[in-house]
Amino acid sequence: MIRHEASAEPGLLMTIRMQLEAMPVAVRTIGRYVLANPETVTRQNINQLSTVARSSPASVVRFCRTLGLDSYAEFKVRLAEELARSTGRSQPVSRSAGLPLPDALLNATIDALAATRQRNEAAVFDRLAHRLVEADRVLMFGAGASGIVAQIAAYHLLRLGIGAIAISDVSWAAELAAGLNRRSVAVAVSASGVTESTVRAARIAHQAKAFTIALTNRADSPLAAVADATLLAVTPEAPTIVGTRTPMASHLLIIEILASAILAHRDA
């Protein structure tokens, strides 16, 4: 997707980002943690959140009321609903049909891969392939598991003769991004699209006039908002596992399609 439009009404995470700097310090630390770890927060109780955010349960309640919500329970429900709508998850696979776990998991992954393909137009891969082939520098970055995806993508590009580097230390990536130019390409990876350090590095790359690509699950995320183009992944649902799974398989599909588009571009 290229040159996407923002939704008319900001979601909960975007509202937090917009109000963050106006929040009191004790409340702001909670907001920053939520923006960096939205899916983790949906599994935390109020005491756990206040501990990791170095705040207090009272400040968490105040944070929720700042957003117009009556309680932390209501906040978690709203956050979970927003993530379910916008992170691009495939439908859960039921074990009631009697499928063994490997088969159920395989079906979930296949559904996610198919949904990932549907979310990305073929023409977008062609245009991005052209950008990457013509780039003087390609900088790829992401935090945590997203950093691993960036490294895999850079490895594919290097084998195709494109001088890509991957950085998992996003603070360092931000420094390198400042040295990019209009012939450079920056690829920022974040499944949630709200990881602050990744969004910041992408913004710096964009300000340096580099063509910036977001690889994320959320078309309406802060990361997508600062990018020139967005590639959207879908996370497979685990049939019996509680918790969040990473969209690694979907990311790998996107990388393989992009690599194939580069080869087709060179053969044309």
Protein backbone atom coordinates (compact mmCIF):
# COMPACT_ATOMS: atom_id res chain seq x y z
CA MET A 1 0.00 0.00 0.00
CA ILE A 2 1.34 3.45 -0.92
CA ARG A 3 0.16 6.82 0.36
CA HIS A 4 -2.48 5.46 2.69
CA GLU A 5 -5.04 7.71 4.38
CA ALA A 6 -5.55 8.02 8.11
CA SER A 7 -8.88 7.01 9.63
CA ALA A 8 -11.33 9.80 10.41
CA GLU A 9 -11.26 9.15 14.17
CA PRO A 10 -8.03 8.26 15.96
CA GLY A 11 -7.94 4.92 17.73
CA LEU A 12 -6.96 4.41 21.35
CA LEU A 13 -3.21 4.09 20.66
CA MET A 14 -3.18 7.12 18.39
CA THR A 15 -5.08 9.09 21.06
CA ILE A 16 -2.43 8.16 23.62
CA ARG A 17 0.32 9.28 21.26
CA MET A 18 -1.45 12.59 20.58
CA GLN A 19 -2.00 13.33 24.28
CA LEU A 20 1.27 11.90 25.59
CA GLU A 21 3.33 15.06 26.01
CA ALA A 22 0.46 16.82 27.81
CA MET A 23 0.14 14.05 30.41
CA PRO A 24 1.65 14.39 33.92
CA VAL A 25 4.99 12.63 34.25
CA ALA A 26 3.65 9.70 36.32
CA VAL A 27 0.91 9.11 33.77
CA ARG A 28 3.16 9.70 30.77
CA THR A 29 5.45 6.81 31.75
CA ILE A 30 2.44 4.50 31.56
CA GLY A 31 1.50 5.88 28.16
CA ARG A 32 5.00 5.33 26.83
CA TYR A 33 5.00 1.73 28.05
CA VAL A 34 1.59 1.05 26.50
CA LEU A 35 2.70 2.46 23.15
CA ALA A 36 5.82 0.30 23.14
CA ASN A 37 4.09 -2.89 24.40
CA PRO A 38 0.37 -2.79 23.54
CA GLU A 39 -0.20 -6.52 23.22
CA THR A 40 1.71 -7.27 26.42
CA VAL A 41 -0.50 -4.80 28.31
CA THR A 42 -3.64 -6.72 27.34
CA ARG A 43 -2.30 -9.63 29.42
CA GLN A 44 -1.22 -7.60 32.46
CA ASN A 45 -3.23 -6.72 35.53
CA ILE A 46 -3.11 -3.24 36.99
CA ASN A 47 -0.36 -4.08 39.48
CA GLN A 48 1.85 -5.65 36.81
CA LEU A 49 1.46 -2.64 34.52
CA SER A 50 2.21 -0.16 37.29
CA THR A 51 5.35 -2.13 38.25
CA VAL A 52 6.86 -2.39 34.77
CA ALA A 53 5.94 1.23 34.00
CA ARG A 54 7.52 2.32 37.31
CA SER A 55 4.34 3.99 38.39
CA SER A 56 1.45 3.12 40.71
CA PRO A 57 -2.02 1.55 40.37
CA ALA A 58 -3.54 4.95 41.15
CA SER A 59 -1.61 6.48 38.26
CA VAL A 60 -2.84 3.71 35.96
CA VAL A 61 -6.43 4.57 36.87
CA ARG A 62 -5.67 8.24 36.28
CA PHE A 63 -4.17 7.34 32.92
CA CYS A 64 -7.36 5.53 31.92
CA ARG A 65 -9.54 8.44 33.00
CA THR A 66 -7.36 10.82 30.97
CA LEU A 67 -8.47 8.80 27.96
CA GLY A 68 -12.13 9.09 28.97
CA LEU A 69 -12.36 5.53 30.34
CA ASP A 70 -13.76 4.64 33.75
CA SER A 71 -11.43 1.79 34.67
CA TYR A 72 -8.37 -0.21 33.73
CA ALA A 73 -10.63 -3.14 32.86
CA GLU A 74 -12.44 -0.99 30.30
CA PHE A 75 -9.09 0.21 28.95
CA LYS A 76 -7.88 -3.37 28.43
CA VAL A 77 -11.07 -4.32 26.61
CA ARG A 78 -10.80 -1.29 24.31
CA LEU A 79 -7.12 -1.97 23.66
CA ALA A 80 -7.71 -5.65 22.90
CA GLU A 81 -10.57 -4.77 20.55
CA GLU A 82 -8.42 -2.25 18.69
CA LEU A 83 -5.54 -4.69 18.31
CA ALA A 84 -7.91 -7.41 17.11
CA ARG A 85 -9.32 -5.06 14.47
CA SER A 86 -6.08 -3.59 13.26
CA THR A 87 -3.23 -6.05 13.74
CA GLY A 88 -4.47 -8.19 10.87
CA ARG A 89 -5.06 -11.51 12.58
CA SER A 90 -6.36 -14.56 10.79
CA GLN A 91 -9.43 -16.23 12.24
CA PRO A 92 -8.81 -18.62 15.18
CA VAL A 93 -8.70 -22.32 14.32
CA SER A 94 -10.96 -24.48 16.45
CA ARG A 95 -9.79 -27.83 17.81
CA SER A 96 -13.42 -28.97 17.98
CA ALA A 97 -13.15 -30.29 14.45
CA GLY A 98 -10.77 -32.94 15.80
CA LEU A 99 -7.69 -31.70 13.97
CA PRO A 100 -4.33 -32.62 15.51
CA LEU A 101 -2.39 -29.59 16.73
CA PRO A 102 0.17 -29.64 13.85
CA ASP A 103 -2.64 -29.65 11.27
CA ALA A 104 -4.62 -26.94 13.04
CA LEU A 105 -1.50 -24.79 13.28
CA LEU A 106 -0.69 -25.43 9.61
CA ASN A 107 -4.19 -24.35 8.59
CA ALA A 108 -3.91 -21.18 10.67
CA THR A 109 -0.59 -20.33 9.05
CA ILE A 110 -1.92 -20.98 5.55
CA ASP A 111 -4.89 -18.69 6.27
CA ALA A 112 -2.55 -15.98 7.52
CA LEU A 113 -0.31 -16.26 4.45
CA ALA A 114 -3.30 -16.04 2.14
CA ALA A 115 -4.62 -13.01 4.02
CA THR A 116 -1.18 -11.39 3.86
CA ARG A 117 -1.13 -11.80 0.09
CA GLN A 118 -4.60 -10.25 -0.16
CA ARG A 119 -3.54 -7.20 1.86
CA ASN A 120 -0.70 -6.32 -0.52
CA GLU A 121 -1.15 -5.43 -4.18
CA ALA A 122 1.28 -7.07 -6.62
CA ALA A 123 2.07 -3.69 -8.18
CA VAL A 124 3.39 -2.42 -4.84
CA PHE A 125 6.09 -5.13 -4.80
CA ASP A 126 7.13 -4.15 -8.31
CA ARG A 127 7.50 -0.47 -7.36
CA LEU A 128 9.41 -1.29 -4.18
CA ALA A 129 11.70 -3.67 -6.07
CA HIS A 130 12.61 -0.81 -8.40
CA ARG A 131 13.35 1.44 -5.43
CA LEU A 132 15.58 -1.15 -3.79
CA VAL A 133 17.53 -1.95 -6.95
CA GLU A 134 18.21 1.75 -7.57
CA ALA A 135 19.05 2.62 -3.95
CA ASP A 136 22.55 3.70 -2.98
CA ARG A 137 21.98 2.44 0.58
CA VAL A 138 19.36 0.20 2.20
CA LEU A 139 18.93 0.37 5.98
CA MET A 140 16.67 -2.20 7.67
CA PHE A 141 15.82 -2.16 11.35
CA GLY A 142 13.45 -3.40 14.03
CA ALA A 143 13.40 -4.20 17.75
CA GLY A 144 13.29 -7.71 19.22
CA ALA A 145 11.82 -10.31 16.87
CA SER A 146 11.29 -7.57 14.28
CA GLY A 147 15.06 -7.08 14.26
CA ILE A 148 15.45 -10.73 13.27
CA VAL A 149 13.04 -10.18 10.37
CA ALA A 150 15.12 -7.18 9.29
CA GLN A 151 18.26 -9.34 9.34
CA ILE A 152 16.61 -12.04 7.21
CA ALA A 153 15.43 -9.43 4.72
CA ALA A 154 18.89 -7.87 4.51
CA TYR A 155 20.42 -11.31 3.94
CA HIS A 156 18.08 -11.89 0.98
CA LEU A 157 18.96 -8.51 -0.51
CA LEU A 158 22.69 -9.06 -0.04
CA ARG A 159 22.44 -12.34 -1.96
CA LEU A 160 20.78 -10.36 -4.74
CA GLY A 161 23.69 -7.92 -4.81
CA ILE A 162 21.93 -5.09 -2.96
CA GLY A 163 24.01 -3.50 -0.23
CA ALA A 164 21.56 -3.77 2.66
CA ILE A 165 22.43 -3.64 6.34
CA ALA A 166 20.20 -4.71 9.22
CA ILE A 167 20.28 -3.13 12.68
CA SER A 168 18.53 -4.60 15.73
CA ASP A 169 19.72 -1.78 18.00
CA VAL A 170 17.12 0.75 16.91
CA SER A 171 18.85 3.65 18.69
CA TRP A 172 21.86 3.07 16.46
CA ALA A 173 19.53 2.70 13.48
CA ALA A 174 18.18 6.18 14.22
CA GLU A 175 21.70 7.62 14.05
CA LEU A 176 22.38 5.87 10.74
CA ALA A 177 19.00 6.97 9.38
CA ALA A 178 20.02 10.60 9.79
CA GLY A 179 22.77 10.03 7.23
CA LEU A 180 20.49 8.69 4.51
CA ASN A 181 19.46 10.67 1.43
CA ARG A 182 16.81 10.72 -1.28
CA ARG A 183 18.49 7.79 -3.09
CA SER A 184 18.41 5.64 0.05
CA VAL A 185 15.74 3.24 1.27
CA ALA A 186 14.86 2.58 4.91
CA VAL A 187 12.80 -0.46 5.90
CA ALA A 188 11.26 -0.34 9.39
CA VAL A 189 9.82 -3.54 10.86
CA SER A 190 7.29 -3.56 13.71
CA ALA A 191 4.31 -5.90 13.94
CA SER A 192 2.37 -3.54 16.19
CA GLY A 193 3.51 -0.43 14.35
CA VAL A 194 3.74 1.51 17.60
CA THR A 195 7.22 0.64 18.90
CA GLU A 196 8.49 4.11 19.71
CA SER A 197 12.15 3.58 18.89
CA THR A 198 11.30 2.08 15.50
CA VAL A 199 8.81 4.83 14.67
CA ARG A 200 11.40 7.45 15.65
CA ALA A 201 14.09 5.91 13.42
CA ALA A 202 11.64 5.69 10.52
CA ARG A 203 10.66 9.32 11.00
CA ILE A 204 14.31 10.37 10.95
CA ALA A 205 14.86 8.39 7.73
CA HIS A 206 11.83 10.02 6.16
CA GLN A 207 13.03 13.48 7.21
CA ALA A 208 16.39 12.68 5.59
CA LYS A 209 14.42 12.21 2.32
CA ALA A 210 15.01 8.44 2.22
CA PHE A 211 12.19 6.37 0.75
CA THR A 212 10.77 4.72 3.88
CA ILE A 213 8.98 1.36 3.91
CA ALA A 214 6.99 0.05 6.88
CA LEU A 215 6.59 -3.71 7.38
CA THR A 216 3.82 -4.01 9.96
CA ASN A 217 0.44 -5.54 10.76
CA ARG A 218 -1.37 -2.24 11.19
CA ALA A 219 -2.25 0.04 8.30
CA ASP A 220 -3.39 2.76 10.72
CA SER A 221 -0.30 2.66 12.95
CA PRO A 222 2.14 5.50 13.73
CA LEU A 223 4.82 3.60 11.79
CA ALA A 224 2.66 3.39 8.67
CA ALA A 225 1.84 7.09 9.04
CA VAL A 226 5.49 8.13 8.64
CA ALA A 227 6.28 5.70 5.81
CA ASP A 228 6.10 6.26 2.06
CA ALA A 229 4.89 2.69 1.53
CA THR A 230 3.52 -0.04 3.76
CA LEU A 231 3.66 -3.83 3.48
CA LEU A 232 1.05 -5.50 5.67
CA ALA A 233 1.46 -8.87 7.39
CA VAL A 234 -1.16 -11.03 9.11
CA THR A 235 -0.48 -12.97 12.31
CA PRO A 236 -1.60 -16.61 12.43
CA GLU A 237 -3.81 -17.46 15.41
CA ALA A 238 -2.51 -20.25 17.63
CA PRO A 239 -5.20 -22.94 18.00
CA THR A 240 -4.49 -23.83 21.62
CA ILE A 241 -1.74 -21.50 22.78
CA VAL A 242 -2.66 -18.54 24.95
CA GLY A 243 -0.78 -15.37 24.08
CA THR A 244 0.44 -13.49 21.09
CA ARG A 245 2.28 -15.08 18.18
CA THR A 246 4.61 -13.19 15.93
CA PRO A 247 3.79 -12.87 12.21
CA MET A 248 7.16 -14.37 11.23
CA ALA A 249 5.77 -16.65 8.50
CA SER A 250 3.85 -13.75 6.94
CA HIS A 251 6.91 -11.51 7.10
CA LEU A 252 8.97 -14.20 5.38
CA LEU A 253 6.36 -14.46 2.63
CA ILE A 254 6.55 -10.70 2.04
CA ILE A 255 10.35 -10.88 1.92
CA GLU A 256 10.26 -13.78 -0.58
CA ILE A 257 7.78 -11.94 -2.82
CA LEU A 258 9.90 -8.81 -2.70
CA ALA A 259 13.06 -10.78 -3.56
CA SER A 260 11.26 -12.43 -6.48
CA ALA A 261 10.06 -9.02 -7.68
CA ILE A 262 13.66 -7.78 -7.62
CA LEU A 263 14.77 -10.74 -9.76
CA ALA A 264 11.91 -10.13 -12.20
CA HIS A 265 12.84 -6.44 -12.36
CA ARG A 266 16.41 -7.30 -13.31
CA ASP A 267 15.35 -9.84 -15.92
CA ALA A 268 12.93 -7.42 -17.57
